[in-house]
């Protein structure tokens, strides 16, 4: 499903100083696996997720996702790839606070120029999966942290992607909402999604749905 070979990612800081965020990363993730990427802040795990999602291009190395080589995809093609294959759940949710839950979840469908009936069906299904249907008409700014998280999950699911990438998904949640997030993830795994979660939250240490834990330190897998 996902294969990375000898991935390096280097950033130029202030035009003079180079910072290497990923060093020689080779990794395979199989279909329907739930993989946890663990590491402290700055270890490279968020950069790794962005590389898999084609939000960032590697400095060198090869990436294959769903049999498609994505390391050198032009930006437009990378956008199309994400829309069809990847659902990304951001740490800060990245929702439009002034829009309703339903409107936020609809946003990824806008470029597809679908008929309203099709949009409504896709949104309804995503809201149900994320357990946020009861808040579909609520304005996002009035939601709790857990409700915002479930809205972000629904938005990631609305295009029916095969891969769900989560960047520190419980960082802004309390214990109760973190457990609610795990229940949603369990449901997604049962439905066949491939899920990769970057985190340093210890709640995942005892989560029985996890297939593998990959530890990162100083930009490397250890």
Protein backbone atom coordinates (compact mmCIF):
# COMPACT_ATOMS: atom_id res chain seq x y z
CA UNK A 1 0.00 0.00 0.00
CA UNK A 2 2.78 2.44 1.00
CA UNK A 3 6.49 1.99 0.35
CA UNK A 4 9.31 4.43 1.04
CA UNK A 5 12.90 3.79 -0.06
CA UNK A 6 15.89 5.76 1.23
CA UNK A 7 13.92 8.96 1.85
CA UNK A 8 15.81 12.12 2.79
CA UNK A 9 14.22 15.51 3.40
CA UNK A 10 16.38 18.59 3.88
CA UNK A 11 15.14 22.13 4.49
CA UNK A 12 17.12 25.30 3.86
CA UNK A 13 16.84 27.74 6.75
CA UNK A 14 17.57 31.42 6.06
CA UNK A 15 19.15 30.43 2.76
CA UNK A 16 22.37 29.27 4.43
CA UNK A 17 21.73 26.63 7.08
CA UNK A 18 20.46 23.16 6.11
CA UNK A 19 18.29 21.07 8.41
CA UNK A 20 17.70 17.39 7.65
CA UNK A 21 14.25 16.32 8.83
CA UNK A 22 14.36 12.77 7.45
CA UNK A 23 17.44 10.56 7.05
CA UNK A 24 17.40 7.39 4.96
CA UNK A 25 13.83 6.32 5.75
CA UNK A 26 12.79 2.98 4.28
CA UNK A 27 9.38 1.66 5.26
CA UNK A 28 6.52 -0.53 4.03
CA UNK A 29 2.93 -0.28 5.25
CA UNK A 30 0.45 -2.93 4.14
CA UNK A 31 -3.22 -2.54 3.27
CA UNK A 32 -5.51 -2.30 6.34
CA UNK A 33 -2.58 -1.90 8.75
CA UNK A 34 -2.85 0.51 11.64
CA UNK A 35 0.65 1.87 12.19
CA UNK A 36 1.73 4.23 14.95
CA UNK A 37 4.75 6.45 14.30
CA UNK A 38 6.08 7.53 17.69
CA UNK A 39 8.65 10.12 18.58
CA UNK A 40 9.15 13.37 20.45
CA UNK A 41 8.52 16.72 18.81
CA UNK A 42 11.13 17.31 16.11
CA UNK A 43 11.86 13.62 15.51
CA UNK A 44 10.56 13.79 11.93
CA UNK A 45 7.25 11.98 12.21
CA UNK A 46 5.06 14.86 10.95
CA UNK A 47 7.41 15.42 8.01
CA UNK A 48 7.13 11.73 7.19
CA UNK A 49 3.33 11.95 7.09
CA UNK A 50 3.51 15.02 4.84
CA UNK A 51 5.84 13.15 2.47
CA UNK A 52 3.43 10.18 2.27
CA UNK A 53 0.55 12.59 1.56
CA UNK A 54 2.58 14.39 -1.13
CA UNK A 55 2.22 17.63 0.80
CA UNK A 56 6.01 17.75 0.74
CA UNK A 57 8.43 16.35 -1.82
CA UNK A 58 11.48 14.41 -0.61
CA UNK A 59 14.95 15.73 -1.32
CA UNK A 60 15.83 12.22 -2.50
CA UNK A 61 14.39 8.72 -2.42
CA UNK A 62 11.35 6.92 -3.81
CA UNK A 63 7.75 6.79 -2.59
CA UNK A 64 5.11 4.45 -3.95
CA UNK A 65 1.51 4.70 -2.77
CA UNK A 66 -1.17 2.48 -4.28
CA UNK A 67 1.33 1.45 -7.00
CA UNK A 68 1.83 5.11 -7.97
CA UNK A 69 5.23 6.78 -7.68
CA UNK A 70 4.60 10.16 -6.06
CA UNK A 71 8.03 11.56 -5.12
CA UNK A 72 8.21 13.86 -8.13
CA UNK A 73 4.54 14.51 -8.86
CA UNK A 74 3.82 18.06 -10.10
CA UNK A 75 1.71 20.03 -7.61
CA UNK A 76 -1.53 19.71 -9.61
CA UNK A 77 -1.17 15.94 -9.92
CA UNK A 78 -0.20 15.70 -6.25
CA UNK A 79 -3.44 17.48 -5.37
CA UNK A 80 -5.46 15.03 -7.47
CA UNK A 81 -3.64 12.12 -5.83
CA UNK A 82 -4.50 13.37 -2.34
CA UNK A 83 -8.13 13.94 -3.28
CA UNK A 84 -8.56 10.35 -4.46
CA UNK A 85 -6.32 8.35 -2.10
CA UNK A 86 -5.48 10.26 1.11
CA UNK A 87 -7.53 11.52 4.02
CA UNK A 88 -5.44 13.78 6.30
CA UNK A 89 -6.39 14.68 9.86
CA UNK A 90 -4.41 17.66 11.14
CA UNK A 91 -3.43 18.33 14.75
CA UNK A 92 -5.07 21.78 14.71
CA UNK A 93 -8.15 20.46 12.81
CA UNK A 94 -7.86 23.22 10.11
CA UNK A 95 -11.63 23.77 10.01
CA UNK A 96 -13.54 26.87 8.89
CA UNK A 97 -14.87 28.16 12.20
CA UNK A 98 -17.71 30.22 10.65
CA UNK A 99 -19.12 27.31 8.62
CA UNK A 100 -21.32 24.46 9.80
CA UNK A 101 -20.08 20.92 10.32
CA UNK A 102 -21.84 19.81 7.14
CA UNK A 103 -20.32 22.67 5.14
CA UNK A 104 -16.82 21.92 6.42
CA UNK A 105 -17.12 18.26 5.48
CA UNK A 106 -18.38 19.26 2.01
CA UNK A 107 -15.32 21.42 1.23
CA UNK A 108 -13.12 18.66 -0.31
CA UNK A 109 -15.95 17.83 -2.74
CA UNK A 110 -16.22 21.35 -4.20
CA UNK A 111 -13.54 20.91 -6.91
CA UNK A 112 -15.18 17.69 -8.11
CA UNK A 113 -18.29 19.52 -9.40
CA UNK A 114 -20.64 16.80 -8.21
CA UNK A 115 -24.40 17.04 -8.18
CA UNK A 116 -25.86 18.15 -4.86
CA UNK A 117 -27.51 14.78 -4.27
CA UNK A 118 -24.15 13.02 -4.57
CA UNK A 119 -22.50 15.55 -2.23
CA UNK A 120 -25.25 15.09 0.35
CA UNK A 121 -24.89 11.30 0.22
CA UNK A 122 -21.13 11.40 0.66
CA UNK A 123 -21.32 13.91 3.51
CA UNK A 124 -24.04 11.93 5.30
CA UNK A 125 -21.96 8.74 5.13
CA UNK A 126 -18.81 10.51 6.42
CA UNK A 127 -20.69 12.19 9.28
CA UNK A 128 -22.13 8.83 10.31
CA UNK A 129 -18.73 7.11 10.28
CA UNK A 130 -17.21 9.88 12.39
CA UNK A 131 -20.15 9.89 14.83
CA UNK A 132 -20.91 13.59 14.34
CA UNK A 133 -24.20 13.45 12.40
CA UNK A 134 -26.09 15.00 15.31
CA UNK A 135 -24.06 18.21 14.92
CA UNK A 136 -24.24 18.58 11.15
CA UNK A 137 -25.93 22.01 11.26
CA UNK A 138 -23.90 23.40 14.16
CA UNK A 139 -21.34 26.14 13.54
CA UNK A 140 -17.82 24.82 14.12
CA UNK A 141 -16.84 27.68 16.46
CA UNK A 142 -19.50 26.43 18.90
CA UNK A 143 -18.18 22.85 19.03
CA UNK A 144 -16.10 21.19 21.73
CA UNK A 145 -12.59 19.95 20.96
CA UNK A 146 -13.81 16.39 20.56
CA UNK A 147 -16.59 17.45 18.21
CA UNK A 148 -14.12 19.43 16.10
CA UNK A 149 -11.91 16.35 15.92
CA UNK A 150 -14.81 14.19 14.71
CA UNK A 151 -15.68 16.86 12.13
CA UNK A 152 -12.07 16.75 10.90
CA UNK A 153 -12.32 12.97 10.67
CA UNK A 154 -15.53 13.21 8.64
CA UNK A 155 -13.88 15.70 6.27
CA UNK A 156 -10.95 13.30 5.79
CA UNK A 157 -13.38 10.47 4.98
CA UNK A 158 -15.75 12.27 2.61
CA UNK A 159 -13.81 11.37 -0.56
CA UNK A 160 -13.71 7.72 0.50
CA UNK A 161 -9.89 7.54 0.60
CA UNK A 162 -8.07 4.26 1.16
CA UNK A 163 -5.46 5.77 3.48
CA UNK A 164 -6.03 7.90 6.59
CA UNK A 165 -3.06 9.89 7.94
CA UNK A 166 -3.36 11.48 11.39
CA UNK A 167 -0.86 14.02 12.73
CA UNK A 168 -0.97 14.18 16.55
CA UNK A 169 -4.75 13.63 16.50
CA UNK A 170 -5.18 13.58 20.30
CA UNK A 171 -2.80 16.45 21.14
CA UNK A 172 -5.65 18.90 21.74
CA UNK A 173 -8.07 16.43 23.34
CA UNK A 174 -8.74 15.45 26.93
CA UNK A 175 -8.68 11.79 28.03
CA UNK A 176 -12.38 11.21 27.41
CA UNK A 177 -12.29 12.61 23.86
CA UNK A 178 -9.06 10.75 23.13
CA UNK A 179 -10.83 7.50 23.98
CA UNK A 180 -13.73 8.53 21.73
CA UNK A 181 -11.22 9.09 18.92
CA UNK A 182 -9.90 5.55 19.39
CA UNK A 183 -13.43 4.18 19.02
CA UNK A 184 -13.79 5.93 15.66
CA UNK A 185 -10.39 4.63 14.53
CA UNK A 186 -11.43 1.09 15.50
CA UNK A 187 -14.52 1.44 13.31
CA UNK A 188 -12.40 2.69 10.39
CA UNK A 189 -9.94 -0.19 10.69
CA UNK A 190 -12.82 -2.68 10.71
CA UNK A 191 -14.00 -1.12 7.44
CA UNK A 192 -10.63 -1.76 5.80
CA UNK A 193 -8.90 1.63 5.90
CA UNK A 194 -5.12 1.81 6.12
CA UNK A 195 -4.31 4.16 9.00
CA UNK A 196 -1.03 5.85 9.97
CA UNK A 197 -0.93 7.93 13.15
CA UNK A 198 1.99 10.16 14.16
CA UNK A 199 1.91 10.73 17.91
CA UNK A 200 3.75 10.79 21.20
CA UNK A 201 0.56 10.15 23.21
CA UNK A 202 0.92 7.14 25.52
CA UNK A 203 -2.78 6.29 25.07
CA UNK A 204 -1.79 4.36 21.94
CA UNK A 205 0.63 2.11 23.86
CA UNK A 206 -2.20 -0.09 25.09
CA UNK A 207 -4.52 0.29 22.09
CA UNK A 208 -5.16 -3.27 20.90
CA UNK A 209 -5.97 -2.36 17.28
CA UNK A 210 -2.37 -1.29 16.55
CA UNK A 211 -0.47 -3.60 14.20
CA UNK A 212 2.94 -1.94 14.52
CA UNK A 213 4.67 0.85 16.37
CA UNK A 214 7.52 2.56 14.52
CA UNK A 215 9.81 4.68 16.66
CA UNK A 216 11.56 7.75 15.28
CA UNK A 217 14.45 9.68 16.78
CA UNK A 218 16.63 12.40 15.26
CA UNK A 219 15.02 12.03 11.81
CA UNK A 220 15.59 8.26 11.65
CA UNK A 221 13.63 5.09 12.32
CA UNK A 222 15.14 3.38 15.36
